[in-house]
Amino acid sequence: MTTHVQTTECPECDARVEFSRPPLCGEIARCGDCGVELEVTSASPLAVVVAPPVQEDWGE
């Protein structure tokens, strides 16, 4: 059985980001080089953006 690795570039540092299984839209991954969190915006073709920071929910 062959493993199909999908790759894309980190929008922050241009490093190669690998997914060992097909990613899902909305999935969060981390760049191995710069450590930024990336959000998958499209699975086919594979596209990622820097994930927005998590905001506090103060019950408002």
N, C-alpha and C. Protein backbone atom coordinates (compact mmCIF):
# COMPACT_ATOMS: atom_id res chain seq x y z
N MET A 1 0.84 -1.18 0.00
CA MET A 1 0.00 0.00 0.00
C MET A 1 0.89 1.24 0.00
N THR A 2 0.62 2.18 -0.88
CA THR A 2 1.40 3.41 -0.95
C THR A 2 0.69 4.52 -0.20
N THR A 3 1.47 5.35 0.45
CA THR A 3 0.93 6.49 1.17
C THR A 3 1.06 7.71 0.28
N HIS A 4 -0.07 8.38 0.05
CA HIS A 4 -0.07 9.58 -0.78
C HIS A 4 0.04 10.79 0.13
N VAL A 5 1.16 11.50 0.03
CA VAL A 5 1.39 12.68 0.85
C VAL A 5 1.04 13.91 0.03
N GLN A 6 0.19 14.77 0.58
CA GLN A 6 -0.15 16.03 -0.07
C GLN A 6 0.69 17.13 0.56
N THR A 7 1.16 18.05 -0.27
CA THR A 7 1.99 19.14 0.23
C THR A 7 1.47 20.47 -0.29
N THR A 8 1.79 21.51 0.46
CA THR A 8 1.50 22.89 0.07
C THR A 8 2.57 23.75 0.73
N GLU A 9 2.56 25.03 0.45
CA GLU A 9 3.53 25.94 1.05
C GLU A 9 2.90 26.74 2.17
N CYS A 10 3.67 26.97 3.22
CA CYS A 10 3.23 27.82 4.32
C CYS A 10 3.16 29.26 3.81
N PRO A 11 2.02 29.94 3.98
CA PRO A 11 1.91 31.32 3.51
C PRO A 11 2.75 32.30 4.34
N GLU A 12 3.22 31.86 5.49
CA GLU A 12 4.01 32.73 6.37
C GLU A 12 5.51 32.67 6.03
N CYS A 13 6.05 31.45 5.82
CA CYS A 13 7.50 31.31 5.64
C CYS A 13 7.89 30.56 4.36
N ASP A 14 6.91 30.13 3.57
CA ASP A 14 7.14 29.40 2.31
C ASP A 14 7.74 28.01 2.49
N ALA A 15 7.72 27.48 3.71
CA ALA A 15 8.22 26.12 3.94
C ALA A 15 7.20 25.11 3.41
N ARG A 16 7.64 23.91 3.19
CA ARG A 16 6.77 22.84 2.71
C ARG A 16 6.00 22.25 3.89
N VAL A 17 4.68 22.20 3.74
CA VAL A 17 3.80 21.63 4.76
C VAL A 17 3.21 20.36 4.18
N GLU A 18 3.37 19.23 4.89
CA GLU A 18 2.92 17.93 4.40
C GLU A 18 1.73 17.42 5.19
N PHE A 19 0.83 16.75 4.48
CA PHE A 19 -0.32 16.08 5.09
C PHE A 19 -0.22 14.62 4.70
N SER A 20 -0.14 13.71 5.67
CA SER A 20 0.00 12.28 5.37
C SER A 20 -1.33 11.64 4.99
N ARG A 21 -2.43 12.35 5.26
CA ARG A 21 -3.75 11.89 4.84
C ARG A 21 -4.47 13.10 4.26
N PRO A 22 -5.49 12.89 3.44
CA PRO A 22 -6.21 14.03 2.86
C PRO A 22 -6.80 14.93 3.95
N PRO A 23 -6.44 16.21 3.96
CA PRO A 23 -6.97 17.11 4.99
C PRO A 23 -8.42 17.49 4.71
N LEU A 24 -9.11 17.90 5.73
CA LEU A 24 -10.51 18.34 5.63
C LEU A 24 -10.55 19.86 5.69
N CYS A 25 -11.51 20.47 5.00
CA CYS A 25 -11.69 21.92 5.08
C CYS A 25 -11.94 22.30 6.54
N GLY A 26 -11.28 23.35 7.00
CA GLY A 26 -11.43 23.80 8.37
C GLY A 26 -10.43 23.17 9.33
N GLU A 27 -9.71 22.15 8.88
CA GLU A 27 -8.72 21.49 9.72
C GLU A 27 -7.58 22.46 10.01
N ILE A 28 -7.02 22.37 11.21
CA ILE A 28 -5.89 23.22 11.61
C ILE A 28 -4.63 22.37 11.63
N ALA A 29 -3.59 22.89 11.00
CA ALA A 29 -2.29 22.22 10.98
C ALA A 29 -1.25 23.23 11.46
N ARG A 30 -0.06 22.76 11.75
CA ARG A 30 1.01 23.65 12.20
C ARG A 30 2.20 23.51 11.26
N CYS A 31 2.78 24.64 10.87
CA CYS A 31 3.98 24.62 10.04
C CYS A 31 5.14 24.12 10.89
N GLY A 32 5.86 23.14 10.36
CA GLY A 32 7.00 22.57 11.09
C GLY A 32 8.18 23.52 11.19
N ASP A 33 8.27 24.50 10.30
CA ASP A 33 9.40 25.43 10.33
C ASP A 33 9.15 26.64 11.24
N CYS A 34 8.06 27.38 10.98
CA CYS A 34 7.84 28.62 11.74
C CYS A 34 6.84 28.45 12.88
N GLY A 35 6.08 27.34 12.90
CA GLY A 35 5.17 27.06 14.00
C GLY A 35 3.81 27.73 13.91
N VAL A 36 3.55 28.49 12.84
CA VAL A 36 2.27 29.17 12.71
C VAL A 36 1.16 28.13 12.48
N GLU A 37 -0.03 28.42 13.01
CA GLU A 37 -1.17 27.55 12.78
C GLU A 37 -1.80 27.89 11.44
N LEU A 38 -2.13 26.85 10.67
CA LEU A 38 -2.68 27.01 9.33
C LEU A 38 -4.05 26.38 9.27
N GLU A 39 -4.97 27.03 8.59
CA GLU A 39 -6.31 26.49 8.40
C GLU A 39 -6.47 26.06 6.95
N VAL A 40 -6.94 24.83 6.74
CA VAL A 40 -7.19 24.33 5.40
C VAL A 40 -8.46 24.99 4.88
N THR A 41 -8.35 25.74 3.76
CA THR A 41 -9.50 26.42 3.18
C THR A 41 -10.06 25.67 1.98
N SER A 42 -9.27 24.77 1.42
CA SER A 42 -9.71 23.95 0.29
C SER A 42 -8.93 22.65 0.31
N ALA A 43 -9.66 21.54 0.12
CA ALA A 43 -9.01 20.23 0.10
C ALA A 43 -8.56 19.86 -1.31
N SER A 44 -9.27 20.37 -2.32
CA SER A 44 -8.91 20.04 -3.69
C SER A 44 -9.23 21.23 -4.60
N PRO A 45 -8.25 21.99 -5.01
CA PRO A 45 -6.83 21.84 -4.73
C PRO A 45 -6.51 22.26 -3.29
N LEU A 46 -5.46 21.69 -2.74
CA LEU A 46 -5.09 21.96 -1.36
C LEU A 46 -4.66 23.41 -1.20
N ALA A 47 -5.29 24.12 -0.26
CA ALA A 47 -4.96 25.51 0.02
C ALA A 47 -5.07 25.76 1.52
N VAL A 48 -4.12 26.54 2.06
CA VAL A 48 -4.13 26.88 3.48
C VAL A 48 -3.91 28.38 3.64
N VAL A 49 -4.40 28.91 4.76
CA VAL A 49 -4.16 30.31 5.14
C VAL A 49 -3.74 30.30 6.61
N VAL A 50 -3.12 31.39 7.04
CA VAL A 50 -2.78 31.52 8.45
C VAL A 50 -4.08 31.56 9.23
N ALA A 51 -4.22 30.69 10.22
CA ALA A 51 -5.45 30.58 11.01
C ALA A 51 -5.65 31.85 11.84
N PRO A 52 -6.88 32.33 11.92
CA PRO A 52 -7.14 33.51 12.75
C PRO A 52 -6.91 33.17 14.22
N PRO A 53 -6.48 34.14 15.01
CA PRO A 53 -6.26 33.87 16.43
C PRO A 53 -7.58 33.53 17.12
N VAL A 54 -7.51 32.65 18.09
CA VAL A 54 -8.69 32.29 18.86
C VAL A 54 -9.02 33.44 19.78
N GLN A 55 -10.27 33.89 19.72
CA GLN A 55 -10.69 35.02 20.54
C GLN A 55 -11.38 34.51 21.80
N GLU A 56 -11.22 35.25 22.86
CA GLU A 56 -11.87 34.92 24.12
C GLU A 56 -13.38 35.11 24.00
N ASP A 57 -14.15 34.22 24.60
CA ASP A 57 -15.59 34.36 24.65
C ASP A 57 -15.96 34.63 26.11
N TRP A 58 -16.33 35.87 26.35
CA TRP A 58 -16.64 36.28 27.73
C TRP A 58 -18.13 36.16 28.03
N GLY A 59 -18.85 35.33 27.26
CA GLY A 59 -20.25 35.11 27.51
C GLY A 59 -21.14 36.26 27.05
N GLU A 60 -20.64 37.05 26.15
CA GLU A 60 -21.42 38.20 25.67
C GLU A 60 -22.32 37.80 24.54
